[in-house]
Amino acid sequence: MTPALLRSWPLDGASGSKDARGAVLVVGGARSTPGAAMLAGLAALRVGAGRLTLAVGGSVATAVGVAVPECAALALPETDAGLLTDNGVATLGPELERASTVLVGPGLDGADETRALLTALLPRIGDDTSVVLDAFALGVLAELPEAVREPLRGRLVLTPNSGEAARLLPLDPASADVGDLGLAAARIADRHGAVVTLRGEIATPDGAAWQSSTGSDGLATSGSGDVLAGAVAGVLAGGGDLAQAACWGTHLHGAAGDRLAAHVGHRGYLARELLDELPLVLTELLA
């Protein structure tokens, strides 16, 4: 997957109002991990999405809204432990209607709570809305095949790391050894009827596959996966199709890491620093 290939597969380039550039709704950000939802949402804006809503835990919503003034911050009810569950999903109706893409997972915690949230949320997402699942949402996805494979066919992207991929296959998640990454991505895509990006390997349910030419192990840092998921969601919201969004988002994420490796160090850069690099990489590709 080279820059030349991506240039031959151009993004829509919608201009005009922010609504024309697409709206992203991120559902995540439990009390202890609001930053994950923030990173994902900012990445979506950095790759061109026009509107952002962050639906996060009520105890952190005000702080998130101040830290990310570009977003609308919605306060969702929490459990006593600060986890998000199915309570409050019904209040998301207007945002679900507006959203071009819904990203679920960054900053969620608690298997039972996340399972309940997905079970309540996914049926409320409109048929024309694309969906990206990441992080803890992937940890429980294998237990919810009826809620995903057919209802979300043709509009779902998964962004697992190795441990989440092991759960999706399913394998022993304790080892996080999925073997050949390209084969693992293809198996997950077929099993769940979704486009998958797994550590630079992209696969579709119909057998198409790409391998990223960017990125290194410096991207294996806290919050990096949230940036990837947000970049994919942002490209989707702007009008990209599923495979295109996965390919462009993965390339942008990896190339941003390459730029940081050159002027910060091969390792040690922060996920939030990827955000500033994303528009520069995008501009280089679009030039």
C-alpha atoms as a PDB file:
ATOM      1  CA  MET A   1       0.000   0.000   0.000  1.00  0.00           C
ATOM      2  CA  THR A   2       2.077   2.862  -1.337  1.00  0.00           C
ATOM      3  CA  PRO A   3       1.441   6.608  -1.619  1.00  0.00           C
ATOM      4  CA  ALA A   4       1.032   6.093  -5.373  1.00  0.00           C
ATOM      5  CA  LEU A   5      -1.705   3.534  -4.786  1.00  0.00           C
ATOM      6  CA  LEU A   6      -3.512   5.862  -2.397  1.00  0.00           C
ATOM      7  CA  ARG A   7      -3.254   8.787  -4.818  1.00  0.00           C
ATOM      8  CA  SER A   8      -4.912   6.599  -7.426  1.00  0.00           C
ATOM      9  CA  TRP A   9      -7.717   6.008  -4.904  1.00  0.00           C
ATOM     10  CA  PRO A  10      -8.462   9.633  -3.961  1.00  0.00           C
ATOM     11  CA  LEU A  11     -10.625  10.742  -1.093  1.00  0.00           C
ATOM     12  CA  ASP A  12     -13.892  12.487  -1.788  1.00  0.00           C
ATOM     13  CA  GLY A  13     -12.537  15.881  -0.810  1.00  0.00           C
ATOM     14  CA  ALA A  14     -15.921  17.281   0.245  1.00  0.00           C
ATOM     15  CA  SER A  15     -15.836  21.027   0.775  1.00  0.00           C
ATOM     16  CA  GLY A  16     -18.241  23.601   2.037  1.00  0.00           C
ATOM     17  CA  SER A  17     -19.963  23.200   5.383  1.00  0.00           C
ATOM     18  CA  LYS A  18     -18.732  21.059   8.238  1.00  0.00           C
ATOM     19  CA  ASP A  19     -21.782  18.858   7.770  1.00  0.00           C
ATOM     20  CA  ALA A  20     -20.681  18.110   4.203  1.00  0.00           C
ATOM     21  CA  ARG A  21     -17.398  16.805   5.609  1.00  0.00           C
ATOM     22  CA  GLY A  22     -19.198  14.343   7.863  1.00  0.00           C
ATOM     23  CA  ALA A  23     -19.988  13.982  11.563  1.00  0.00           C
ATOM     24  CA  VAL A  24     -18.254  11.511  13.878  1.00  0.00           C
ATOM     25  CA  LEU A  25     -19.766  10.299  17.147  1.00  0.00           C
ATOM     26  CA  VAL A  26     -17.317   8.643  19.548  1.00  0.00           C
ATOM     27  CA  VAL A  27     -18.855   6.577  22.341  1.00  0.00           C
ATOM     28  CA  GLY A  28     -16.302   5.780  25.030  1.00  0.00           C
ATOM     29  CA  GLY A  29     -14.301   7.567  27.689  1.00  0.00           C
ATOM     30  CA  ALA A  30     -15.057   5.956  31.034  1.00  0.00           C
ATOM     31  CA  ARG A  31     -14.090   7.843  34.180  1.00  0.00           C
ATOM     32  CA  SER A  32     -10.507   6.584  34.285  1.00  0.00           C
ATOM     33  CA  THR A  33      -9.799   6.761  30.528  1.00  0.00           C
ATOM     34  CA  PRO A  34     -11.434   9.817  28.914  1.00  0.00           C
ATOM     35  CA  GLY A  35      -8.256  10.586  27.001  1.00  0.00           C
ATOM     36  CA  ALA A  36      -8.798   7.627  24.689  1.00  0.00           C
ATOM     37  CA  ALA A  37     -12.045   9.079  23.349  1.00  0.00           C
ATOM     38  CA  MET A  38     -10.406  12.494  23.028  1.00  0.00           C
ATOM     39  CA  LEU A  39      -7.476  11.132  20.994  1.00  0.00           C
ATOM     40  CA  ALA A  40      -9.830   9.247  18.686  1.00  0.00           C
ATOM     41  CA  GLY A  41     -12.097  12.234  18.152  1.00  0.00           C
ATOM     42  CA  LEU A  42      -9.255  14.645  17.487  1.00  0.00           C
ATOM     43  CA  ALA A  43      -7.733  12.209  14.993  1.00  0.00           C
ATOM     44  CA  ALA A  44     -11.044  12.161  13.118  1.00  0.00           C
ATOM     45  CA  LEU A  45     -10.985  15.952  12.880  1.00  0.00           C
ATOM     46  CA  ARG A  46      -7.322  15.988  11.882  1.00  0.00           C
ATOM     47  CA  VAL A  47      -8.025  13.825   8.813  1.00  0.00           C
ATOM     48  CA  GLY A  48     -10.919  15.999   7.720  1.00  0.00           C
ATOM     49  CA  ALA A  49     -14.146  15.145   9.527  1.00  0.00           C
ATOM     50  CA  GLY A  50     -16.310  18.234   9.923  1.00  0.00           C
ATOM     51  CA  ARG A  51     -18.154  17.670  13.184  1.00  0.00           C
ATOM     52  CA  LEU A  52     -17.299  15.773  16.373  1.00  0.00           C
ATOM     53  CA  THR A  53     -19.364  14.588  19.322  1.00  0.00           C
ATOM     54  CA  LEU A  54     -17.798  12.759  22.270  1.00  0.00           C
ATOM     55  CA  ALA A  55     -20.241  10.742  24.384  1.00  0.00           C
ATOM     56  CA  VAL A  56     -18.322  10.055  27.593  1.00  0.00           C
ATOM     57  CA  GLY A  57     -18.862   9.404  31.270  1.00  0.00           C
ATOM     58  CA  GLY A  58     -20.832  12.071  33.075  1.00  0.00           C
ATOM     59  CA  SER A  59     -18.091  12.682  35.647  1.00  0.00           C
ATOM     60  CA  VAL A  60     -15.577  13.662  32.939  1.00  0.00           C
ATOM     61  CA  ALA A  61     -17.805  15.231  30.270  1.00  0.00           C
ATOM     62  CA  THR A  62     -17.257  18.829  31.366  1.00  0.00           C
ATOM     63  CA  ALA A  63     -13.490  18.384  31.502  1.00  0.00           C
ATOM     64  CA  VAL A  64     -13.522  16.725  28.070  1.00  0.00           C
ATOM     65  CA  GLY A  65     -15.572  19.563  26.623  1.00  0.00           C
ATOM     66  CA  VAL A  66     -13.084  22.116  27.943  1.00  0.00           C
ATOM     67  CA  ALA A  67     -10.046  20.126  26.793  1.00  0.00           C
ATOM     68  CA  VAL A  68     -11.531  19.584  23.317  1.00  0.00           C
ATOM     69  CA  PRO A  69     -13.450  22.787  22.550  1.00  0.00           C
ATOM     70  CA  GLU A  70     -14.006  21.561  18.987  1.00  0.00           C
ATOM     71  CA  CYS A  71     -16.395  18.845  20.190  1.00  0.00           C
ATOM     72  CA  ALA A  72     -19.857  18.566  21.653  1.00  0.00           C
ATOM     73  CA  ALA A  73     -19.413  16.613  24.886  1.00  0.00           C
ATOM     74  CA  LEU A  74     -22.358  14.486  26.016  1.00  0.00           C
ATOM     75  CA  ALA A  75     -22.532  13.172  29.575  1.00  0.00           C
ATOM     76  CA  LEU A  76     -23.545   9.502  29.841  1.00  0.00           C
ATOM     77  CA  PRO A  77     -24.593   7.855  33.120  1.00  0.00           C
ATOM     78  CA  GLU A  78     -21.925   5.818  34.884  1.00  0.00           C
ATOM     79  CA  THR A  79     -21.862   2.950  37.308  1.00  0.00           C
ATOM     80  CA  ASP A  80     -20.467   3.547  40.791  1.00  0.00           C
ATOM     81  CA  ALA A  81     -17.115   2.387  39.430  1.00  0.00           C
ATOM     82  CA  GLY A  82     -17.221   4.982  36.648  1.00  0.00           C
ATOM     83  CA  LEU A  83     -18.009   2.571  33.803  1.00  0.00           C
ATOM     84  CA  LEU A  84     -20.395   3.182  30.913  1.00  0.00           C
ATOM     85  CA  THR A  85     -23.238   0.748  30.359  1.00  0.00           C
ATOM     86  CA  ASP A  86     -26.549   0.702  28.485  1.00  0.00           C
ATOM     87  CA  ASN A  87     -28.017   3.427  30.689  1.00  0.00           C
ATOM     88  CA  GLY A  88     -28.298   6.609  28.699  1.00  0.00           C
ATOM     89  CA  VAL A  89     -28.021   5.068  25.242  1.00  0.00           C
ATOM     90  CA  ALA A  90     -31.541   6.266  24.435  1.00  0.00           C
ATOM     91  CA  THR A  91     -30.409   9.881  24.909  1.00  0.00           C
ATOM     92  CA  LEU A  92     -28.015   9.536  21.953  1.00  0.00           C
ATOM     93  CA  GLY A  93     -30.866   9.455  19.420  1.00  0.00           C
ATOM     94  CA  PRO A  94     -30.305  12.914  17.878  1.00  0.00           C
ATOM     95  CA  GLU A  95     -26.540  12.389  17.625  1.00  0.00           C
ATOM     96  CA  LEU A  96     -26.982   8.957  16.056  1.00  0.00           C
ATOM     97  CA  GLU A  97     -29.253  10.522  13.431  1.00  0.00           C
ATOM     98  CA  ARG A  98     -26.670  13.205  12.651  1.00  0.00           C
ATOM     99  CA  ALA A  99     -23.585  10.980  12.645  1.00  0.00           C
ATOM    100  CA  SER A 100     -22.012   9.790   9.418  1.00  0.00           C
ATOM    101  CA  THR A 101     -19.795   7.416  11.398  1.00  0.00           C
ATOM    102  CA  VAL A 102     -20.072   6.045  14.927  1.00  0.00           C
ATOM    103  CA  LEU A 103     -16.882   4.913  16.666  1.00  0.00           C
ATOM    104  CA  VAL A 104     -17.415   2.778  19.762  1.00  0.00           C
ATOM    105  CA  GLY A 105     -14.766   1.570  22.149  1.00  0.00           C
ATOM    106  CA  PRO A 106     -11.979   4.045  22.976  1.00  0.00           C
ATOM    107  CA  GLY A 107     -11.785   4.358  26.730  1.00  0.00           C
ATOM    108  CA  LEU A 108     -14.496   1.813  27.565  1.00  0.00           C
ATOM    109  CA  ASP A 109     -13.916  -0.682  30.373  1.00  0.00           C
ATOM    110  CA  GLY A 110     -15.725  -3.601  31.972  1.00  0.00           C
ATOM    111  CA  ALA A 111     -16.767  -6.625  29.914  1.00  0.00           C
ATOM    112  CA  ASP A 112     -20.337  -6.873  31.209  1.00  0.00           C
ATOM    113  CA  GLU A 113     -20.910  -3.143  30.942  1.00  0.00           C
ATOM    114  CA  THR A 114     -19.496  -2.894  27.419  1.00  0.00           C
ATOM    115  CA  ARG A 115     -21.536  -5.884  26.287  1.00  0.00           C
ATOM    116  CA  ALA A 116     -24.700  -4.229  27.582  1.00  0.00           C
ATOM    117  CA  LEU A 117     -23.786  -0.935  25.919  1.00  0.00           C
ATOM    118  CA  LEU A 118     -23.166  -2.524  22.514  1.00  0.00           C
ATOM    119  CA  THR A 119     -26.347  -4.598  22.727  1.00  0.00           C
ATOM    120  CA  ALA A 120     -28.398  -1.444  23.356  1.00  0.00           C
ATOM    121  CA  LEU A 121     -26.494   0.898  21.038  1.00  0.00           C
ATOM    122  CA  LEU A 122     -25.885  -0.996  17.803  1.00  0.00           C
ATOM    123  CA  PRO A 123     -29.572  -1.530  16.891  1.00  0.00           C
ATOM    124  CA  ARG A 124     -30.136   2.232  17.216  1.00  0.00           C
ATOM    125  CA  ILE A 125     -27.522   3.122  14.599  1.00  0.00           C
ATOM    126  CA  GLY A 126     -29.125   4.000  11.268  1.00  0.00           C
ATOM    127  CA  ASP A 127     -28.730   1.792   8.228  1.00  0.00           C
ATOM    128  CA  ASP A 128     -26.779   4.481   6.362  1.00  0.00           C
ATOM    129  CA  THR A 129     -24.281   5.066   9.169  1.00  0.00           C
ATOM    130  CA  SER A 130     -20.869   3.403   9.138  1.00  0.00           C
ATOM    131  CA  VAL A 131     -19.469   1.894  12.343  1.00  0.00           C
ATOM    132  CA  VAL A 132     -15.937   1.497  13.675  1.00  0.00           C
ATOM    133  CA  LEU A 133     -15.338  -0.762  16.676  1.00  0.00           C
ATOM    134  CA  ASP A 134     -12.141  -0.501  18.682  1.00  0.00           C
ATOM    135  CA  ALA A 135     -10.576  -1.367  22.011  1.00  0.00           C
ATOM    136  CA  PHE A 136     -12.911  -2.867  24.630  1.00  0.00           C
ATOM    137  CA  ALA A 137     -15.773  -3.085  22.139  1.00  0.00           C
ATOM    138  CA  LEU A 138     -13.665  -5.668  20.297  1.00  0.00           C
ATOM    139  CA  GLY A 139     -13.018  -7.570  23.499  1.00  0.00           C
ATOM    140  CA  VAL A 140     -16.687  -8.564  23.740  1.00  0.00           C
ATOM    141  CA  LEU A 141     -17.551  -8.622  20.035  1.00  0.00           C
ATOM    142  CA  ALA A 142     -17.071 -12.369  19.650  1.00  0.00           C
ATOM    143  CA  GLU A 143     -19.937 -12.857  22.110  1.00  0.00           C
ATOM    144  CA  LEU A 144     -22.352 -10.737  20.029  1.00  0.00           C
ATOM    145  CA  PRO A 145     -22.366 -12.214  16.510  1.00  0.00           C
ATOM    146  CA  GLU A 146     -26.102 -11.666  15.995  1.00  0.00           C
ATOM    147  CA  ALA A 147     -25.738  -7.954  16.734  1.00  0.00           C
ATOM    148  CA  VAL A 148     -22.944  -7.398  14.260  1.00  0.00           C
ATOM    149  CA  ARG A 149     -22.393  -9.700  11.306  1.00  0.00           C
ATOM    150  CA  GLU A 150     -25.681  -9.254   9.441  1.00  0.00           C
ATOM    151  CA  PRO A 151     -27.036  -5.968  10.897  1.00  0.00           C
ATOM    152  CA  LEU A 152     -23.730  -4.162  10.198  1.00  0.00           C
ATOM    153  CA  ARG A 153     -22.670  -5.957   7.032  1.00  0.00           C
ATOM    154  CA  GLY A 154     -21.200  -3.561   4.513  1.00  0.00           C
ATOM    155  CA  ARG A 155     -20.651  -0.738   7.001  1.00  0.00           C
ATOM    156  CA  LEU A 156     -18.325  -2.077   9.732  1.00  0.00           C
ATOM    157  CA  VAL A 157     -14.581  -1.605  10.284  1.00  0.00           C
ATOM    158  CA  LEU A 158     -12.643  -3.306  13.090  1.00  0.00           C
ATOM    159  CA  THR A 159      -9.293  -1.984  14.352  1.00  0.00           C
ATOM    160  CA  PRO A 160      -7.905  -4.691  16.676  1.00  0.00           C
ATOM    161  CA  ASN A 161      -4.500  -4.985  18.257  1.00  0.00           C
ATOM    162  CA  SER A 162      -2.981  -8.448  18.617  1.00  0.00           C
ATOM    163  CA  GLY A 163      -4.740  -9.267  21.879  1.00  0.00           C
ATOM    164  CA  GLU A 164      -8.125  -8.182  20.561  1.00  0.00           C
ATOM    165  CA  ALA A 165      -7.486 -10.106  17.347  1.00  0.00           C
ATOM    166  CA  ALA A 166      -6.892 -13.247  19.389  1.00  0.00           C
ATOM    167  CA  ARG A 167     -10.320 -12.822  20.997  1.00  0.00           C
ATOM    168  CA  LEU A 168     -11.985 -12.238  17.632  1.00  0.00           C
ATOM    169  CA  LEU A 169     -10.584 -15.373  15.977  1.00  0.00           C
ATOM    170  CA  PRO A 170     -10.982 -16.758  18.752  1.00  0.00           C
ATOM    171  CA  LEU A 171      -7.627 -17.853  20.210  1.00  0.00           C
ATOM    172  CA  ASP A 172      -6.110 -17.707  23.655  1.00  0.00           C
ATOM    173  CA  PRO A 173      -6.040 -13.963  24.336  1.00  0.00           C
ATOM    174  CA  ALA A 174      -3.410 -14.437  27.041  1.00  0.00           C
ATOM    175  CA  SER A 175      -0.736 -15.150  24.436  1.00  0.00           C
ATOM    176  CA  ALA A 176      -1.835 -12.508  21.893  1.00  0.00           C
ATOM    177  CA  ASP A 177      -0.014 -14.616  19.288  1.00  0.00           C
ATOM    178  CA  VAL A 178      -2.183 -14.637  16.179  1.00  0.00           C
ATOM    179  CA  GLY A 179       0.549 -15.964  13.881  1.00  0.00           C
ATOM    180  CA  ASP A 180       0.608 -14.525  10.377  1.00  0.00           C
ATOM    181  CA  LEU A 181      -0.993 -11.091  10.680  1.00  0.00           C
ATOM    182  CA  GLY A 182      -2.325 -10.986   7.131  1.00  0.00           C
ATOM    183  CA  LEU A 183      -4.000 -14.357   7.533  1.00  0.00           C
ATOM    184  CA  ALA A 184      -5.391 -13.351  10.914  1.00  0.00           C
ATOM    185  CA  ALA A 185      -6.863 -10.146   9.470  1.00  0.00           C
ATOM    186  CA  ALA A 186      -8.457 -12.121   6.619  1.00  0.00           C
ATOM    187  CA  ARG A 187      -9.959 -14.651   9.024  1.00  0.00           C
ATOM    188  CA  ILE A 188     -11.404 -11.930  11.255  1.00  0.00           C
ATOM    189  CA  ALA A 189     -12.842 -10.111   8.226  1.00  0.00           C
ATOM    190  CA  ASP A 190     -14.540 -13.284   7.019  1.00  0.00           C
ATOM    191  CA  ARG A 191     -15.744 -14.310  10.469  1.00  0.00           C
ATOM    192  CA  HIS A 192     -17.304 -10.955  11.344  1.00  0.00           C
ATOM    193  CA  GLY A 193     -18.244  -9.628   7.920  1.00  0.00           C
ATOM    194  CA  ALA A 194     -16.119  -6.507   8.418  1.00  0.00           C
ATOM    195  CA  VAL A 195     -13.135  -4.691   6.990  1.00  0.00           C
ATOM    196  CA  VAL A 196     -10.201  -5.189   9.351  1.00  0.00           C
ATOM    197  CA  THR A 197      -6.975  -3.279   9.937  1.00  0.00           C
ATOM    198  CA  LEU A 198      -4.573  -5.247  12.122  1.00  0.00           C
ATOM    199  CA  ARG A 199      -1.077  -3.872  12.683  1.00  0.00           C
ATOM    200  CA  GLY A 200      -0.717  -2.684   9.117  1.00  0.00           C
ATOM    201  CA  GLU A 201      -2.580  -5.569   7.478  1.00  0.00           C
ATOM    202  CA  ILE A 202      -5.940  -4.676   5.922  1.00  0.00           C
ATOM    203  CA  ALA A 203      -8.461  -7.301   4.820  1.00  0.00           C
ATOM    204  CA  THR A 204     -12.043  -7.301   3.542  1.00  0.00           C
ATOM    205  CA  PRO A 205     -14.687 -10.027   3.758  1.00  0.00           C
ATOM    206  CA  ASP A 206     -14.486 -10.603  -0.001  1.00  0.00           C
ATOM    207  CA  GLY A 207     -10.787 -11.460   0.134  1.00  0.00           C
ATOM    208  CA  ALA A 208      -9.097  -8.195  -0.842  1.00  0.00           C
ATOM    209  CA  ALA A 209      -5.971  -7.399   1.153  1.00  0.00           C
ATOM    210  CA  TRP A 210      -3.318  -4.706   1.516  1.00  0.00           C
ATOM    211  CA  GLN A 211      -0.158  -4.347   3.582  1.00  0.00           C
ATOM    212  CA  SER A 212       0.887  -0.939   4.870  1.00  0.00           C
ATOM    213  CA  SER A 213       4.263   0.443   3.834  1.00  0.00           C
ATOM    214  CA  THR A 214       4.427   2.799   6.828  1.00  0.00           C
ATOM    215  CA  GLY A 215       4.763   2.447  10.578  1.00  0.00           C
ATOM    216  CA  SER A 216       7.124   0.761  13.010  1.00  0.00           C
ATOM    217  CA  ASP A 217       7.105  -0.545  16.570  1.00  0.00           C
ATOM    218  CA  GLY A 218       7.294   3.025  17.869  1.00  0.00           C
ATOM    219  CA  LEU A 219       3.528   3.052  17.343  1.00  0.00           C
ATOM    220  CA  ALA A 220       3.176   0.441  20.087  1.00  0.00           C
ATOM    221  CA  THR A 221       2.452   3.062  22.716  1.00  0.00           C
ATOM    222  CA  SER A 222      -0.507   4.001  24.884  1.00  0.00           C
ATOM    223  CA  GLY A 223      -3.233   5.776  22.906  1.00  0.00           C
ATOM    224  CA  SER A 224      -1.825   5.004  19.464  1.00  0.00           C
ATOM    225  CA  GLY A 225      -4.650   2.610  18.628  1.00  0.00           C
ATOM    226  CA  ASP A 226      -7.191   5.288  19.523  1.00  0.00           C
ATOM    227  CA  VAL A 227      -5.568   7.617  16.991  1.00  0.00           C
ATOM    228  CA  LEU A 228      -5.760   4.890  14.340  1.00  0.00           C
ATOM    229  CA  ALA A 229      -9.441   4.212  15.011  1.00  0.00           C
ATOM    230  CA  GLY A 230     -10.200   7.928  14.893  1.00  0.00           C
ATOM    231  CA  ALA A 231      -8.333   8.381  11.619  1.00  0.00           C
ATOM    232  CA  VAL A 232     -10.312   5.545  10.043  1.00  0.00           C
ATOM    233  CA  ALA A 233     -13.578   7.005  11.367  1.00  0.00           C
ATOM    234  CA  GLY A 234     -12.690  10.464  10.059  1.00  0.00           C
ATOM    235  CA  VAL A 235     -12.003   9.202   6.537  1.00  0.00           C
ATOM    236  CA  LEU A 236     -15.231   7.212   6.619  1.00  0.00           C
ATOM    237  CA  ALA A 237     -17.229  10.235   7.723  1.00  0.00           C
ATOM    238  CA  GLY A 238     -15.800  12.233   4.845  1.00  0.00           C
ATOM    239  CA  GLY A 239     -17.234   9.827   2.300  1.00  0.00           C
ATOM    240  CA  GLY A 240     -14.600   7.114   1.956  1.00  0.00           C
ATOM    241  CA  ASP A 241     -15.748   3.537   1.549  1.00  0.00           C
ATOM    242  CA  LEU A 242     -14.815   0.925   4.154  1.00  0.00           C
ATOM    243  CA  ALA A 243     -11.687  -0.456   2.521  1.00  0.00           C
ATOM    244  CA  GLN A 244     -10.513   2.997   1.475  1.00  0.00           C
ATOM    245  CA  ALA A 245     -10.971   4.349   4.996  1.00  0.00           C
ATOM    246  CA  ALA A 246      -9.066   1.429   6.498  1.00  0.00           C
ATOM    247  CA  CYS A 247      -6.222   1.814   4.008  1.00  0.00           C
ATOM    248  CA  TRP A 248      -5.960   5.600   4.193  1.00  0.00           C
ATOM    249  CA  GLY A 249      -6.371   5.674   7.977  1.00  0.00           C
ATOM    250  CA  THR A 250      -3.739   2.986   8.480  1.00  0.00           C
ATOM    251  CA  HIS A 251      -1.292   4.708   6.140  1.00  0.00           C
ATOM    252  CA  LEU A 252      -1.813   8.124   7.736  1.00  0.00           C
ATOM    253  CA  HIS A 253      -1.321   6.668  11.232  1.00  0.00           C
ATOM    254  CA  GLY A 254       1.850   4.838  10.225  1.00  0.00           C
ATOM    255  CA  ALA A 255       3.299   7.734   8.258  1.00  0.00           C
ATOM    256  CA  ALA A 256       2.657  10.109  11.164  1.00  0.00           C
ATOM    257  CA  GLY A 257       4.686   7.726  13.314  1.00  0.00           C
ATOM    258  CA  ASP A 258       7.457   7.660  10.714  1.00  0.00           C
ATOM    259  CA  ARG A 259       7.650  11.454  10.749  1.00  0.00           C
ATOM    260  CA  LEU A 260       7.934  11.459  14.539  1.00  0.00           C
ATOM    261  CA  ALA A 261      10.562   8.713  14.461  1.00  0.00           C
ATOM    262  CA  ALA A 262      12.663  10.958  12.230  1.00  0.00           C
ATOM    263  CA  HIS A 263      12.639  14.012  14.479  1.00  0.00           C
ATOM    264  CA  VAL A 264      11.807  12.673  17.958  1.00  0.00           C
ATOM    265  CA  GLY A 265      13.150   9.129  18.017  1.00  0.00           C
ATOM    266  CA  HIS A 266      12.346   5.630  16.864  1.00  0.00           C
ATOM    267  CA  ARG A 267      10.606   5.082  20.193  1.00  0.00           C
ATOM    268  CA  GLY A 268       9.358   7.426  22.874  1.00  0.00           C
ATOM    269  CA  TYR A 269       7.038   9.743  20.968  1.00  0.00           C
ATOM    270  CA  LEU A 270       3.520  10.113  22.329  1.00  0.00           C
ATOM    271  CA  ALA A 271       0.210   9.211  20.748  1.00  0.00           C
ATOM    272  CA  ARG A 272      -1.007  12.791  21.066  1.00  0.00           C
ATOM    273  CA  GLU A 273       1.967  13.918  18.969  1.00  0.00           C
ATOM    274  CA  LEU A 274       0.657  11.801  16.086  1.00  0.00           C
ATOM    275  CA  LEU A 275      -2.304  14.167  15.832  1.00  0.00           C
ATOM    276  CA  ASP A 276      -0.236  17.118  14.648  1.00  0.00           C
ATOM    277  CA  GLU A 277       1.420  15.008  11.967  1.00  0.00           C
ATOM    278  CA  LEU A 278      -1.784  13.673  10.403  1.00  0.00           C
ATOM    279  CA  PRO A 279      -2.732  16.816   8.408  1.00  0.00           C
ATOM    280  CA  LEU A 280       0.838  17.119   7.107  1.00  0.00           C
ATOM    281  CA  VAL A 281       0.862  13.536   5.839  1.00  0.00           C
ATOM    282  CA  LEU A 282      -2.578  14.030   4.331  1.00  0.00           C
ATOM    283  CA  THR A 283      -1.450  17.198   2.552  1.00  0.00           C
ATOM    284  CA  GLU A 284       1.586  15.385   1.137  1.00  0.00           C
ATOM    285  CA  LEU A 285      -0.644  12.649  -0.260  1.00  0.00           C
ATOM    286  CA  LEU A 286      -3.150  15.085  -1.736  1.00  0.00           C
ATOM    287  CA  ALA A 287      -0.504  17.367  -3.289  1.00  0.00           C
END
